[in-house]
């Protein structure tokens, strides 16, 4: 019995020794809890792949998707409006951004990992943390042109030209033709340029302007532009439009006449100096001048000044002895220059001339 007990003790000792030896030599990454964490858990090591923390899978305006689903136009516009402001702003409003993204450009969503390419996700990426860190560099990447990062210049140009210049306004038959033409364009402009012979100017006009008014803007965006996207910053381009191409919104010769002495401003702005000579507005001018005197003469007297009176006398008085009358300056309402006399308002107008002081003096005060 004693011998059997001894044998059992020896066997147990050998077993324990063997277990101890196995523990010393086989504590390897294959069987430990720490290594299985790498493969089977969602703790520290696997968090970089499977978590939904802000550093990887967020869709907030200030960070960007680097994995996971593509960005939407709403997510992109939240980011670009929040992080690209002031001189770095890419859109005037969020609504404009969403419309451009979804309708004008119709960008492909891309993937959540996009950092380049003509996609919504690429722009969302650059509008997020990169724009927060360096808005000058990354906001143009997030903008409509992609700044040669979110799509090449020609990618963006041809996509817009083919989408917005169609039918009677078509500028290219297909993408290959467009890309060939674009390859010869000057690319030294800046994102958002609205003039000069560059691909950047063509991108602008082929975008929202062409989507709204293709008749006007598609010709500006074509391979050989008509007006606008022509010349360079070092070349002066003379405008040769005839007067009928313009709509008059204001006219002004002498300061404050239209502002203070004309009631029917629409008719006055549509009129011409020939209408002034025909006394079309003379009654209006004299009537409003009389109203000014009724309101201000007592204040002028209190200030020890002598107002001219009545209003008709004010219109007829000479500015200086032998000089033009007040009425002669206004009818017709033009700024006149007599090179034989000293310069200075109302004989011409120098930058430093106190034009409003002189104007108020000659219509309110007795110049004698």
Protein backbone atom coordinates (compact mmCIF):
# COMPACT_ATOMS: atom_id res chain seq x y z
CA UNK A 1 0.00 0.00 0.00
CA UNK A 2 2.84 2.32 0.87
CA UNK A 3 4.55 1.50 -2.41
CA UNK A 4 1.36 2.29 -4.39
CA UNK A 5 1.05 5.62 -2.62
CA UNK A 6 4.64 6.43 -3.46
CA UNK A 7 4.06 5.59 -7.11
CA UNK A 8 0.98 7.88 -7.25
CA UNK A 9 2.96 10.72 -5.70
CA UNK A 10 5.70 10.26 -8.30
CA UNK A 11 3.20 10.24 -11.15
CA UNK A 12 1.54 13.39 -9.83
CA UNK A 13 4.93 15.06 -9.52
CA UNK A 14 5.83 14.18 -13.10
CA UNK A 15 2.48 15.50 -14.28
CA UNK A 16 2.94 18.75 -12.41
CA UNK A 17 6.43 19.14 -13.75
CA UNK A 18 5.20 18.51 -17.26
CA UNK A 19 2.46 21.11 -16.86
CA UNK A 20 4.94 23.62 -15.57
CA UNK A 21 7.25 23.02 -18.48
CA UNK A 22 4.44 23.36 -21.00
CA UNK A 23 3.40 26.70 -19.46
CA UNK A 24 6.96 28.04 -19.68
CA UNK A 25 7.46 27.14 -23.35
CA UNK A 26 3.99 27.45 -24.93
CA UNK A 27 2.70 30.77 -23.63
CA UNK A 28 2.45 31.98 -27.20
CA UNK A 29 0.13 34.50 -28.94
CA UNK A 30 -1.86 31.62 -30.39
CA UNK A 31 -3.42 30.58 -27.07
CA UNK A 32 -3.43 33.67 -24.88
CA UNK A 33 -6.35 35.90 -24.12
CA UNK A 34 -4.43 38.99 -25.31
CA UNK A 35 -3.88 37.60 -28.80
CA UNK A 36 -7.43 36.31 -29.16
CA UNK A 37 -8.51 39.83 -28.46
CA UNK A 38 -6.88 40.80 -31.74
CA UNK A 39 -8.98 38.30 -33.64
CA UNK A 40 -12.15 37.70 -31.68
CA UNK A 41 -12.97 40.72 -29.52
CA UNK A 42 -14.15 44.28 -30.11
CA UNK A 43 -11.74 45.74 -27.54
CA UNK A 44 -8.63 47.86 -28.04
CA UNK A 45 -7.03 46.25 -31.10
CA UNK A 46 -10.21 45.58 -33.05
CA UNK A 47 -11.68 48.99 -32.26
CA UNK A 48 -9.88 50.48 -35.23
CA UNK A 49 -11.94 48.28 -37.55
CA UNK A 50 -15.30 47.71 -35.91
CA UNK A 51 -16.17 50.75 -33.80
CA UNK A 52 -18.49 53.57 -34.70
CA UNK A 53 -16.49 56.20 -32.86
CA UNK A 54 -16.01 59.69 -34.34
CA UNK A 55 -12.55 58.91 -35.74
CA UNK A 56 -13.74 56.36 -38.28
CA UNK A 57 -17.42 56.12 -39.20
CA UNK A 58 -19.00 59.42 -38.24
CA UNK A 59 -21.22 61.43 -40.51
CA UNK A 60 -20.95 64.69 -38.56
CA UNK A 61 -20.02 67.93 -40.34
CA UNK A 62 -16.62 68.19 -38.66
CA UNK A 63 -15.26 64.73 -39.43
CA UNK A 64 -15.39 62.41 -42.36
CA UNK A 65 -16.04 58.86 -43.33
CA UNK A 66 -12.84 56.97 -44.07
CA UNK A 67 -14.61 53.65 -44.04
CA UNK A 68 -18.23 52.74 -44.30
CA UNK A 69 -20.97 54.13 -46.55
CA UNK A 70 -20.50 57.01 -49.01
CA UNK A 71 -21.34 60.55 -47.96
CA UNK A 72 -24.66 62.08 -48.95
CA UNK A 73 -25.15 65.59 -50.32
CA UNK A 74 -26.70 66.61 -47.00
CA UNK A 75 -23.68 65.37 -45.03
CA UNK A 76 -21.27 66.99 -47.47
CA UNK A 77 -23.08 70.33 -47.36
CA UNK A 78 -23.25 70.31 -43.57
CA UNK A 79 -19.46 69.92 -43.49
CA UNK A 80 -18.54 72.41 -46.21
CA UNK A 81 -20.88 75.10 -44.85
CA UNK A 82 -19.54 74.62 -41.31
CA UNK A 83 -15.83 74.49 -42.10
CA UNK A 84 -15.40 76.56 -45.28
CA UNK A 85 -16.42 80.12 -44.46
CA UNK A 86 -15.33 83.67 -45.22
CA UNK A 87 -12.74 83.81 -48.00
CA UNK A 88 -12.80 79.99 -48.13
CA UNK A 89 -16.57 79.68 -48.61
CA UNK A 90 -17.60 77.50 -51.56
CA UNK A 91 -21.35 78.26 -51.62
CA UNK A 92 -23.48 81.20 -50.60
CA UNK A 93 -26.00 78.98 -48.80
CA UNK A 94 -26.64 75.37 -47.81
CA UNK A 95 -29.56 75.17 -50.24
CA UNK A 96 -27.27 76.22 -53.08
CA UNK A 97 -24.78 73.54 -52.03
CA UNK A 98 -27.38 70.76 -51.93
CA UNK A 99 -28.82 71.82 -55.29
CA UNK A 100 -25.38 71.92 -56.90
CA UNK A 101 -24.42 68.54 -55.45
CA UNK A 102 -27.63 66.73 -56.34
CA UNK A 103 -28.82 68.49 -59.49
CA UNK A 104 -26.23 70.69 -61.18
CA UNK A 105 -23.22 68.37 -60.88
CA UNK A 106 -24.97 65.12 -59.99
CA UNK A 107 -21.73 63.72 -58.53
CA UNK A 108 -21.34 60.01 -57.94
CA UNK A 109 -21.53 59.27 -54.18
CA UNK A 110 -18.22 57.37 -54.30
CA UNK A 111 -17.10 55.41 -51.25
CA UNK A 112 -16.45 56.32 -47.65
CA UNK A 113 -12.72 55.93 -48.27
CA UNK A 114 -12.48 58.50 -51.08
CA UNK A 115 -9.83 61.18 -50.68
CA UNK A 116 -9.64 61.91 -54.41
CA UNK A 117 -11.91 61.53 -57.44
CA UNK A 118 -14.96 63.43 -58.64
CA UNK A 119 -17.33 62.19 -55.92
CA UNK A 120 -19.45 63.49 -53.08
CA UNK A 121 -17.44 61.44 -50.58
CA UNK A 122 -14.13 62.98 -51.66
CA UNK A 123 -15.53 66.45 -51.15
CA UNK A 124 -17.05 65.47 -47.81
CA UNK A 125 -13.65 64.17 -46.68
CA UNK A 126 -11.82 67.40 -47.54
CA UNK A 127 -14.63 69.52 -46.08
CA UNK A 128 -14.23 67.76 -42.72
CA UNK A 129 -11.13 67.46 -40.56
CA UNK A 130 -8.73 68.48 -43.37
CA UNK A 131 -10.63 71.77 -43.85
CA UNK A 132 -10.65 72.36 -40.10
CA UNK A 133 -6.87 71.95 -40.05
CA UNK A 134 -6.12 73.88 -43.28
CA UNK A 135 -9.12 75.54 -44.92
CA UNK A 136 -7.05 77.42 -47.52
CA UNK A 137 -5.79 74.14 -49.00
CA UNK A 138 -8.74 71.81 -48.53
CA UNK A 139 -11.85 73.95 -49.04
CA UNK A 140 -11.14 74.32 -52.79
CA UNK A 141 -10.83 70.50 -52.95
CA UNK A 142 -14.27 70.33 -51.35
CA UNK A 143 -15.76 72.89 -53.71
CA UNK A 144 -17.56 72.61 -57.06
CA UNK A 145 -14.37 72.37 -59.16
CA UNK A 146 -12.66 69.79 -56.94
CA UNK A 147 -9.45 71.85 -57.41
CA UNK A 148 -7.82 69.02 -59.38
CA UNK A 149 -8.02 66.69 -56.36
CA UNK A 150 -11.67 65.65 -56.14
CA UNK A 151 -11.68 64.93 -59.84
CA UNK A 152 -9.32 66.47 -62.39
CA UNK A 153 -10.11 69.83 -63.95
CA UNK A 154 -11.22 68.04 -67.11
CA UNK A 155 -13.29 65.44 -65.20
CA UNK A 156 -15.32 68.23 -63.64
CA UNK A 157 -15.50 70.36 -66.78
CA UNK A 158 -16.68 67.58 -69.09
CA UNK A 159 -19.19 66.19 -66.61
CA UNK A 160 -20.79 69.64 -66.27
CA UNK A 161 -20.63 70.52 -69.97
CA UNK A 162 -22.26 67.25 -71.01
CA UNK A 163 -24.92 67.51 -68.29
CA UNK A 164 -25.91 71.16 -68.64
CA UNK A 165 -25.21 72.03 -72.29
CA UNK A 166 -27.49 69.79 -74.30
CA UNK A 167 -29.85 69.97 -77.26
CA UNK A 168 -29.56 73.28 -79.06
CA UNK A 169 -26.92 74.33 -76.51
CA UNK A 170 -24.74 71.24 -76.88
CA UNK A 171 -21.01 71.96 -76.96
CA UNK A 172 -19.62 68.38 -77.21
CA UNK A 173 -20.94 65.22 -78.83
CA UNK A 174 -19.43 62.91 -76.20
CA UNK A 175 -17.02 62.68 -73.29
CA UNK A 176 -14.04 61.66 -75.42
CA UNK A 177 -14.39 64.75 -77.61
CA UNK A 178 -14.70 66.95 -74.53
CA UNK A 179 -11.68 65.43 -72.79
CA UNK A 180 -9.54 65.90 -75.91
CA UNK A 181 -10.52 69.57 -76.15
CA UNK A 182 -10.04 70.14 -72.43
CA UNK A 183 -6.50 68.78 -72.58
CA UNK A 184 -5.44 71.93 -74.45
CA UNK A 185 -7.03 74.41 -72.03
CA UNK A 186 -4.95 76.70 -69.81
CA UNK A 187 -5.21 75.37 -66.25
CA UNK A 188 -3.40 78.21 -64.50
CA UNK A 189 -6.60 79.86 -63.25
CA UNK A 190 -8.06 79.51 -59.77
CA UNK A 191 -11.14 77.56 -58.62
CA UNK A 192 -14.24 79.70 -59.10
CA UNK A 193 -12.78 82.03 -61.74
CA UNK A 194 -15.55 83.65 -63.79
CA UNK A 195 -13.40 85.13 -66.57
CA UNK A 196 -10.32 84.60 -68.73
CA UNK A 197 -9.43 81.78 -71.10
CA UNK A 198 -8.93 78.96 -68.58
CA UNK A 199 -10.50 75.63 -67.74
CA UNK A 200 -11.52 77.07 -64.36
CA UNK A 201 -13.62 79.79 -66.04
CA UNK A 202 -15.27 77.18 -68.28
CA UNK A 203 -16.05 74.98 -65.26
CA UNK A 204 -17.82 77.88 -63.58
CA UNK A 205 -19.99 78.74 -66.59
CA UNK A 206 -20.75 75.07 -67.37
CA UNK A 207 -22.00 74.62 -63.81
CA UNK A 208 -24.86 76.45 -62.10
CA UNK A 209 -24.95 79.32 -64.66
CA UNK A 210 -25.41 76.89 -67.57
CA UNK A 211 -27.93 74.84 -65.62
CA UNK A 212 -29.98 78.02 -65.11
CA UNK A 213 -29.35 79.81 -68.41
CA UNK A 214 -27.71 77.52 -70.98
CA UNK A 215 -28.34 79.92 -73.87
CA UNK A 216 -26.08 82.53 -72.30
CA UNK A 217 -23.49 80.44 -70.47
CA UNK A 218 -22.85 77.36 -72.61
CA UNK A 219 -21.16 79.51 -75.29
CA UNK A 220 -18.87 80.91 -72.57
CA UNK A 221 -17.98 77.34 -71.55
CA UNK A 222 -17.31 75.86 -74.97
CA UNK A 223 -13.93 75.07 -76.52
CA UNK A 224 -13.74 78.48 -78.24
CA UNK A 225 -15.61 80.75 -75.83
CA UNK A 226 -17.74 83.70 -76.83
CA UNK A 227 -16.86 86.56 -74.47
CA UNK A 228 -16.09 86.21 -70.77
CA UNK A 229 -13.76 83.17 -70.82
CA UNK A 230 -11.35 84.92 -73.17
CA UNK A 231 -8.02 86.69 -72.83
CA UNK A 232 -5.98 86.74 -69.66
CA UNK A 233 -5.50 88.88 -66.59
CA UNK A 234 -2.62 90.65 -68.37
CA UNK A 235 -4.76 91.51 -71.41
CA UNK A 236 -7.24 94.38 -71.40
CA UNK A 237 -10.45 93.41 -73.16
CA UNK A 238 -12.48 96.28 -74.56
CA UNK A 239 -16.23 95.86 -74.29
CA UNK A 240 -17.83 96.47 -77.67
CA UNK A 241 -21.50 95.99 -76.81
CA UNK A 242 -23.96 98.46 -78.32
CA UNK A 243 -26.01 100.61 -75.88
CA UNK A 244 -29.14 98.55 -76.59
CA UNK A 245 -27.47 95.58 -74.87
CA UNK A 246 -27.69 97.36 -71.52
CA UNK A 247 -30.52 98.29 -69.18
CA UNK A 248 -30.17 101.65 -67.46
CA UNK A 249 -30.78 101.51 -63.72
CA UNK A 250 -29.57 104.99 -62.76
CA UNK A 251 -28.20 108.22 -64.17
CA UNK A 252 -26.35 110.94 -62.38
CA UNK A 253 -24.63 114.12 -63.40
CA UNK A 254 -24.64 116.47 -60.45
CA UNK A 255 -24.57 114.79 -57.03
CA UNK A 256 -27.81 114.50 -55.02
CA UNK A 257 -30.13 115.84 -57.74
CA UNK A 258 -31.78 112.50 -58.41
CA UNK A 259 -31.63 111.60 -54.72
CA UNK A 260 -32.99 114.79 -53.16
CA UNK A 261 -34.89 116.73 -55.84
CA UNK A 262 -36.56 114.09 -58.01
CA UNK A 263 -39.76 112.32 -56.97
CA UNK A 264 -40.39 110.15 -60.04
CA UNK A 265 -36.97 108.49 -60.02
CA UNK A 266 -37.94 105.76 -62.51
CA UNK A 267 -38.89 108.28 -65.19
CA UNK A 268 -35.83 110.40 -64.41
CA UNK A 269 -33.44 107.43 -64.70
CA UNK A 270 -35.06 106.47 -67.99
CA UNK A 271 -34.73 110.04 -69.25
CA UNK A 272 -31.86 111.79 -71.00
CA UNK A 273 -30.24 115.23 -70.88
CA UNK A 274 -32.41 116.21 -73.86
CA UNK A 275 -35.45 115.64 -71.63
CA UNK A 276 -33.86 117.91 -69.03
CA UNK A 277 -33.40 120.66 -71.65
CA UNK A 278 -37.09 120.34 -72.49
CA UNK A 279 -37.82 121.14 -68.81
CA UNK A 280 -39.49 117.76 -68.33
CA UNK A 281 -38.32 117.65 -64.70
CA UNK A 282 -37.87 121.36 -63.95
CA UNK A 283 -41.17 121.72 -62.08
CA UNK A 284 -40.37 118.69 -59.94
CA UNK A 285 -36.92 120.05 -59.09
CA UNK A 286 -38.19 123.52 -58.14
CA UNK A 287 -41.08 122.08 -56.09
CA UNK A 288 -38.86 119.78 -54.07
CA UNK A 289 -36.29 122.53 -53.61
CA UNK A 290 -39.03 124.78 -52.17
CA UNK A 291 -40.02 121.98 -49.77
CA UNK A 292 -36.41 121.74 -48.57
CA UNK A 293 -36.32 125.48 -47.89
CA UNK A 294 -39.60 125.35 -45.97
CA UNK A 295 -38.11 122.67 -43.75
CA UNK A 296 -34.60 124.08 -43.34
CA UNK A 297 -34.59 127.88 -43.69
CA UNK A 298 -35.19 128.54 -39.98
CA UNK A 299 -32.28 126.27 -39.12
CA UNK A 300 -30.06 128.07 -41.62
CA UNK A 301 -30.96 131.43 -40.11
CA UNK A 302 -30.30 130.07 -36.61
CA UNK A 303 -26.84 129.09 -37.85
CA UNK A 304 -26.31 132.69 -39.02
CA UNK A 305 -26.52 131.67 -42.68
CA UNK A 306 -28.59 133.44 -45.31
CA UNK A 307 -30.87 131.16 -47.32
CA UNK A 308 -31.75 132.01 -50.89
CA UNK A 309 -35.46 132.64 -51.33
CA UNK A 310 -37.75 131.89 -53.03
CA UNK A 311 -36.79 128.55 -54.59
CA UNK A 312 -36.95 130.01 -58.09
CA UNK A 313 -34.39 132.62 -57.04
CA UNK A 314 -32.12 129.83 -55.81
CA UNK A 315 -32.29 128.12 -59.19
CA UNK A 316 -31.43 131.36 -61.00
CA UNK A 317 -28.52 132.55 -58.84
CA UNK A 318 -24.98 132.41 -60.14
CA UNK A 319 -22.44 130.16 -58.46
CA UNK A 320 -19.82 132.92 -58.73
CA UNK A 321 -19.99 136.28 -60.42
CA UNK A 322 -20.15 135.71 -64.14
CA UNK A 323 -20.37 131.95 -63.65
CA UNK A 324 -23.12 129.44 -64.41
CA UNK A 325 -26.44 129.49 -62.58
CA UNK A 326 -27.60 126.72 -60.28
CA UNK A 327 -30.24 125.82 -62.85
CA UNK A 328 -27.58 125.66 -65.55
CA UNK A 329 -25.77 122.95 -63.62
CA UNK A 330 -28.88 120.84 -63.25
CA UNK A 331 -30.62 121.43 -66.57
CA UNK A 332 -29.34 119.38 -68.23
CA UNK A 333 -28.15 117.19 -65.36
CA UNK A 334 -24.57 116.71 -66.52
CA UNK A 335 -21.19 117.30 -64.92
CA UNK A 336 -19.57 120.03 -66.97
CA UNK A 337 -15.93 121.00 -67.47
CA UNK A 338 -14.70 124.37 -68.73
CA UNK A 339 -10.96 124.06 -69.38
CA UNK A 340 -10.52 127.85 -69.53
CA UNK A 341 -11.35 128.29 -65.83
CA UNK A 342 -9.95 126.84 -62.63
CA UNK A 343 -10.74 123.17 -62.05
CA UNK A 344 -12.68 122.03 -59.02
CA UNK A 345 -16.30 121.12 -58.40
CA UNK A 346 -18.68 122.09 -59.93
CA UNK A 347 -16.22 122.66 -62.81
CA UNK A 348 -15.31 119.02 -63.10
CA UNK A 349 -14.68 117.01 -59.98
CA UNK A 350 -11.42 116.30 -58.18
CA UNK A 351 -11.07 113.42 -55.72
CA UNK A 352 -10.64 115.75 -52.76
CA UNK A 353 -13.50 118.12 -53.65
CA UNK A 354 -16.20 118.41 -50.91
CA UNK A 355 -18.96 117.92 -53.46
CA UNK A 356 -21.87 117.55 -51.01
CA UNK A 357 -20.91 120.69 -49.09
CA UNK A 358 -20.81 122.66 -52.34
CA UNK A 359 -24.04 121.13 -53.64
CA UNK A 360 -25.99 121.95 -50.47
CA UNK A 361 -24.54 125.46 -50.38
CA UNK A 362 -25.57 126.35 -53.94
CA UNK A 363 -29.13 125.07 -53.61
CA UNK A 364 -29.82 126.42 -50.12
CA UNK A 365 -27.75 129.58 -49.54
CA UNK A 366 -27.66 133.07 -51.01
CA UNK A 367 -24.37 132.96 -52.92
CA UNK A 368 -24.04 136.76 -53.01
